[in-house]
Amino acid sequence: MREFRFIQIVVPIIAISIFLWGFTCPYAAETPKEVKLPQEKQKKWEGAQKSLKSEYDTCVEDCGGNKECKAKCEKAYKSRLDREYQRILYEK
């Protein structure tokens, strides 16, 4: 009896998760390398890249020789680049 209730709860949760993952997957695949920006948005993207690179360089400089700190800077830099690219791509 207990196993039957467990299956009744878990199977729908797994099915819904797989269904929702299918909707988010195409958007996650759009990275700066895969989607081209229109020409009019290219200058904004280049400016954003320059600004974020400057922030990254400052962060790495502040880390000194700490590898963990540099890894955090790199992770933040890549995340911000991706977010900014998506923002520019979808702005109207």
N, C-alpha and C. Protein backbone atom coordinates (compact mmCIF):
# COMPACT_ATOMS: atom_id res chain seq x y z
N MET A 1 0.82 -1.19 0.00
CA MET A 1 0.00 0.00 0.00
C MET A 1 0.87 1.27 0.00
N ARG A 2 1.92 1.22 0.81
CA ARG A 2 2.79 2.38 0.91
C ARG A 2 3.55 2.61 -0.39
N GLU A 3 4.01 1.54 -1.04
CA GLU A 3 4.72 1.65 -2.31
C GLU A 3 3.81 2.24 -3.39
N PHE A 4 2.56 1.87 -3.38
CA PHE A 4 1.62 2.36 -4.37
C PHE A 4 1.46 3.87 -4.25
N ARG A 5 1.36 4.39 -3.04
CA ARG A 5 1.24 5.84 -2.83
C ARG A 5 2.52 6.55 -3.28
N PHE A 6 3.65 5.95 -2.98
CA PHE A 6 4.93 6.52 -3.37
C PHE A 6 5.00 6.65 -4.89
N ILE A 7 4.61 5.61 -5.60
CA ILE A 7 4.62 5.64 -7.06
C ILE A 7 3.63 6.66 -7.59
N GLN A 8 2.47 6.77 -6.98
CA GLN A 8 1.47 7.75 -7.41
C GLN A 8 1.98 9.18 -7.28
N ILE A 9 2.86 9.41 -6.35
CA ILE A 9 3.39 10.76 -6.13
C ILE A 9 4.64 11.01 -6.99
N VAL A 10 5.55 10.06 -7.01
CA VAL A 10 6.84 10.27 -7.67
C VAL A 10 6.73 10.29 -9.20
N VAL A 11 5.98 9.38 -9.77
CA VAL A 11 5.89 9.30 -11.23
C VAL A 11 5.35 10.60 -11.85
N PRO A 12 4.25 11.17 -11.34
CA PRO A 12 3.80 12.45 -11.93
C PRO A 12 4.82 13.58 -11.76
N ILE A 13 5.51 13.60 -10.64
CA ILE A 13 6.52 14.64 -10.43
C ILE A 13 7.64 14.51 -11.46
N ILE A 14 8.08 13.32 -11.70
CA ILE A 14 9.14 13.09 -12.69
C ILE A 14 8.64 13.46 -14.09
N ALA A 15 7.42 13.08 -14.42
CA ALA A 15 6.86 13.38 -15.73
C ALA A 15 6.73 14.89 -15.94
N ILE A 16 6.27 15.60 -14.95
CA ILE A 16 6.13 17.06 -15.05
C ILE A 16 7.50 17.72 -15.19
N SER A 17 8.48 17.21 -14.44
CA SER A 17 9.84 17.77 -14.52
C SER A 17 10.42 17.61 -15.92
N ILE A 18 10.26 16.44 -16.50
CA ILE A 18 10.75 16.20 -17.85
C ILE A 18 10.04 17.09 -18.86
N PHE A 19 8.74 17.24 -18.69
CA PHE A 19 7.94 18.09 -19.57
C PHE A 19 8.42 19.54 -19.51
N LEU A 20 8.60 20.07 -18.30
CA LEU A 20 9.05 21.46 -18.15
C LEU A 20 10.49 21.64 -18.63
N TRP A 21 11.34 20.65 -18.45
CA TRP A 21 12.71 20.74 -18.92
C TRP A 21 12.76 20.91 -20.44
N GLY A 22 11.82 20.30 -21.13
CA GLY A 22 11.75 20.42 -22.58
C GLY A 22 11.49 21.84 -23.04
N PHE A 23 10.76 22.62 -22.23
CA PHE A 23 10.50 24.01 -22.59
C PHE A 23 11.69 24.91 -22.35
N THR A 24 12.47 24.63 -21.32
CA THR A 24 13.60 25.50 -20.99
C THR A 24 14.84 25.17 -21.80
N CYS A 25 14.95 23.98 -22.29
CA CYS A 25 16.15 23.53 -22.99
C CYS A 25 16.50 24.39 -24.22
N PRO A 26 15.56 24.75 -25.10
CA PRO A 26 15.93 25.56 -26.26
C PRO A 26 16.50 26.92 -25.89
N TYR A 27 16.01 27.52 -24.78
CA TYR A 27 16.50 28.83 -24.39
C TYR A 27 17.89 28.73 -23.78
N ALA A 28 18.16 27.67 -23.07
CA ALA A 28 19.48 27.49 -22.46
C ALA A 28 20.54 27.27 -23.52
N ALA A 29 20.15 26.77 -24.68
CA ALA A 29 21.11 26.48 -25.74
C ALA A 29 21.58 27.73 -26.46
N GLU A 30 20.87 28.82 -26.30
CA GLU A 30 21.24 30.05 -27.00
C GLU A 30 22.37 30.74 -26.26
N THR A 31 23.55 30.56 -26.75
CA THR A 31 24.73 31.20 -26.17
C THR A 31 25.30 32.15 -27.21
N PRO A 32 26.19 33.04 -26.79
CA PRO A 32 26.76 34.00 -27.74
C PRO A 32 27.37 33.36 -28.98
N LYS A 33 27.83 32.14 -28.89
CA LYS A 33 28.45 31.50 -30.04
C LYS A 33 27.42 30.97 -31.03
N GLU A 34 26.19 30.73 -30.57
CA GLU A 34 25.20 30.08 -31.41
C GLU A 34 24.20 31.04 -32.06
N VAL A 35 23.98 32.19 -31.47
CA VAL A 35 22.99 33.13 -31.99
C VAL A 35 23.69 34.43 -32.34
N LYS A 36 23.50 34.89 -33.55
CA LYS A 36 24.12 36.14 -34.00
C LYS A 36 23.25 37.33 -33.61
N LEU A 37 23.90 38.38 -33.15
CA LEU A 37 23.19 39.62 -32.85
C LEU A 37 22.96 40.40 -34.13
N PRO A 38 21.84 41.10 -34.19
CA PRO A 38 21.65 42.01 -35.33
C PRO A 38 22.74 43.09 -35.29
N GLN A 39 23.04 43.64 -36.44
CA GLN A 39 24.11 44.63 -36.56
C GLN A 39 23.92 45.82 -35.63
N GLU A 40 22.68 46.29 -35.46
CA GLU A 40 22.43 47.47 -34.63
C GLU A 40 22.68 47.21 -33.15
N LYS A 41 22.69 45.95 -32.73
CA LYS A 41 22.94 45.63 -31.32
C LYS A 41 24.40 45.24 -31.07
N GLN A 42 25.16 45.11 -32.12
CA GLN A 42 26.54 44.65 -32.00
C GLN A 42 27.40 45.63 -31.19
N LYS A 43 27.19 46.94 -31.37
CA LYS A 43 27.99 47.93 -30.63
C LYS A 43 27.72 47.85 -29.14
N LYS A 44 26.45 47.63 -28.76
CA LYS A 44 26.11 47.48 -27.34
C LYS A 44 26.83 46.27 -26.76
N TRP A 45 26.85 45.18 -27.52
CA TRP A 45 27.49 43.95 -27.07
C TRP A 45 28.99 44.16 -26.90
N GLU A 46 29.61 44.83 -27.85
CA GLU A 46 31.04 45.09 -27.75
C GLU A 46 31.36 45.97 -26.53
N GLY A 47 30.52 46.96 -26.26
CA GLY A 47 30.71 47.81 -25.08
C GLY A 47 30.54 47.03 -23.79
N ALA A 48 29.55 46.15 -23.77
CA ALA A 48 29.32 45.32 -22.58
C ALA A 48 30.50 44.38 -22.35
N GLN A 49 31.02 43.79 -23.43
CA GLN A 49 32.17 42.90 -23.30
C GLN A 49 33.37 43.64 -22.72
N LYS A 50 33.60 44.84 -23.20
CA LYS A 50 34.74 45.63 -22.73
C LYS A 50 34.59 45.96 -21.25
N SER A 51 33.39 46.37 -20.85
CA SER A 51 33.12 46.72 -19.46
C SER A 51 33.28 45.50 -18.54
N LEU A 52 32.71 44.38 -18.95
CA LEU A 52 32.79 43.18 -18.13
C LEU A 52 34.21 42.62 -18.06
N LYS A 53 34.96 42.76 -19.13
CA LYS A 53 36.36 42.32 -19.13
C LYS A 53 37.17 43.16 -18.16
N SER A 54 36.88 44.43 -18.10
CA SER A 54 37.56 45.32 -17.16
C SER A 54 37.27 44.90 -15.72
N GLU A 55 35.99 44.58 -15.44
CA GLU A 55 35.61 44.11 -14.10
C GLU A 55 36.32 42.80 -13.77
N TYR A 56 36.38 41.91 -14.74
CA TYR A 56 37.05 40.63 -14.55
C TYR A 56 38.53 40.82 -14.24
N ASP A 57 39.19 41.67 -15.01
CA ASP A 57 40.62 41.92 -14.79
C ASP A 57 40.87 42.49 -13.40
N THR A 58 40.00 43.38 -12.95
CA THR A 58 40.12 43.95 -11.61
C THR A 58 39.95 42.87 -10.55
N CYS A 59 38.96 42.01 -10.75
CA CYS A 59 38.70 40.92 -9.81
C CYS A 59 39.91 39.99 -9.70
N VAL A 60 40.46 39.60 -10.85
CA VAL A 60 41.61 38.69 -10.86
C VAL A 60 42.82 39.36 -10.20
N GLU A 61 42.99 40.63 -10.45
CA GLU A 61 44.09 41.37 -9.86
C GLU A 61 43.96 41.40 -8.34
N ASP A 62 42.75 41.57 -7.85
CA ASP A 62 42.51 41.60 -6.40
C ASP A 62 42.73 40.23 -5.76
N CYS A 63 42.63 39.16 -6.56
CA CYS A 63 42.80 37.81 -6.02
C CYS A 63 44.25 37.48 -5.70
N GLY A 64 45.15 38.16 -6.34
CA GLY A 64 46.56 37.81 -6.15
C GLY A 64 46.82 36.47 -6.83
N GLY A 65 47.33 35.51 -6.08
CA GLY A 65 47.63 34.20 -6.65
C GLY A 65 46.63 33.12 -6.25
N ASN A 66 45.53 33.50 -5.61
CA ASN A 66 44.56 32.54 -5.11
C ASN A 66 43.75 31.94 -6.27
N LYS A 67 43.92 30.64 -6.50
CA LYS A 67 43.25 29.98 -7.62
C LYS A 67 41.74 29.90 -7.44
N GLU A 68 41.28 29.68 -6.21
CA GLU A 68 39.83 29.61 -5.95
C GLU A 68 39.17 30.95 -6.25
N CYS A 69 39.84 32.01 -5.85
CA CYS A 69 39.31 33.35 -6.11
C CYS A 69 39.23 33.62 -7.61
N LYS A 70 40.28 33.24 -8.33
CA LYS A 70 40.30 33.44 -9.78
C LYS A 70 39.19 32.63 -10.45
N ALA A 71 38.94 31.43 -9.95
CA ALA A 71 37.87 30.60 -10.50
C ALA A 71 36.51 31.25 -10.28
N LYS A 72 36.32 31.88 -9.12
CA LYS A 72 35.06 32.59 -8.85
C LYS A 72 34.91 33.79 -9.78
N CYS A 73 36.02 34.49 -10.01
CA CYS A 73 35.98 35.63 -10.94
C CYS A 73 35.59 35.18 -12.33
N GLU A 74 36.17 34.07 -12.77
CA GLU A 74 35.88 33.56 -14.10
C GLU A 74 34.43 33.11 -14.22
N LYS A 75 33.93 32.44 -13.21
CA LYS A 75 32.54 31.99 -13.21
C LYS A 75 31.58 33.18 -13.27
N ALA A 76 31.86 34.20 -12.47
CA ALA A 76 31.02 35.39 -12.46
C ALA A 76 31.09 36.11 -13.80
N TYR A 77 32.29 36.19 -14.37
CA TYR A 77 32.48 36.85 -15.65
C TYR A 77 31.68 36.16 -16.75
N LYS A 78 31.79 34.84 -16.83
CA LYS A 78 31.06 34.10 -17.86
C LYS A 78 29.55 34.22 -17.68
N SER A 79 29.11 34.17 -16.44
CA SER A 79 27.68 34.31 -16.16
C SER A 79 27.17 35.69 -16.56
N ARG A 80 27.93 36.71 -16.21
CA ARG A 80 27.52 38.07 -16.56
C ARG A 80 27.54 38.30 -18.07
N LEU A 81 28.54 37.74 -18.74
CA LEU A 81 28.59 37.85 -20.20
C LEU A 81 27.35 37.23 -20.83
N ASP A 82 27.01 36.04 -20.39
CA ASP A 82 25.85 35.35 -20.94
C ASP A 82 24.56 36.12 -20.66
N ARG A 83 24.41 36.60 -19.42
CA ARG A 83 23.21 37.34 -19.06
C ARG A 83 23.09 38.64 -19.87
N GLU A 84 24.19 39.35 -20.04
CA GLU A 84 24.18 40.59 -20.79
C GLU A 84 23.87 40.34 -22.26
N TYR A 85 24.43 39.26 -22.81
CA TYR A 85 24.16 38.91 -24.19
C TYR A 85 22.67 38.62 -24.39
N GLN A 86 22.11 37.85 -23.48
CA GLN A 86 20.68 37.53 -23.56
C GLN A 86 19.84 38.80 -23.44
N ARG A 87 20.23 39.70 -22.54
CA ARG A 87 19.48 40.94 -22.36
C ARG A 87 19.49 41.77 -23.64
N ILE A 88 20.66 41.92 -24.25
CA ILE A 88 20.78 42.69 -25.48
C ILE A 88 20.03 42.00 -26.62
N LEU A 89 20.14 40.71 -26.71
CA LEU A 89 19.49 39.95 -27.77
C LEU A 89 17.97 40.12 -27.76
N TYR A 90 17.38 40.09 -26.57
CA TYR A 90 15.92 40.11 -26.47
C TYR A 90 15.32 41.47 -26.17
N GLU A 91 16.14 42.51 -26.02
CA GLU A 91 15.55 43.83 -25.77
C GLU A 91 14.88 44.35 -27.05
N LYS A 92 13.88 45.17 -26.86
CA LYS A 92 13.13 45.69 -28.01
C LYS A 92 13.52 47.09 -28.33
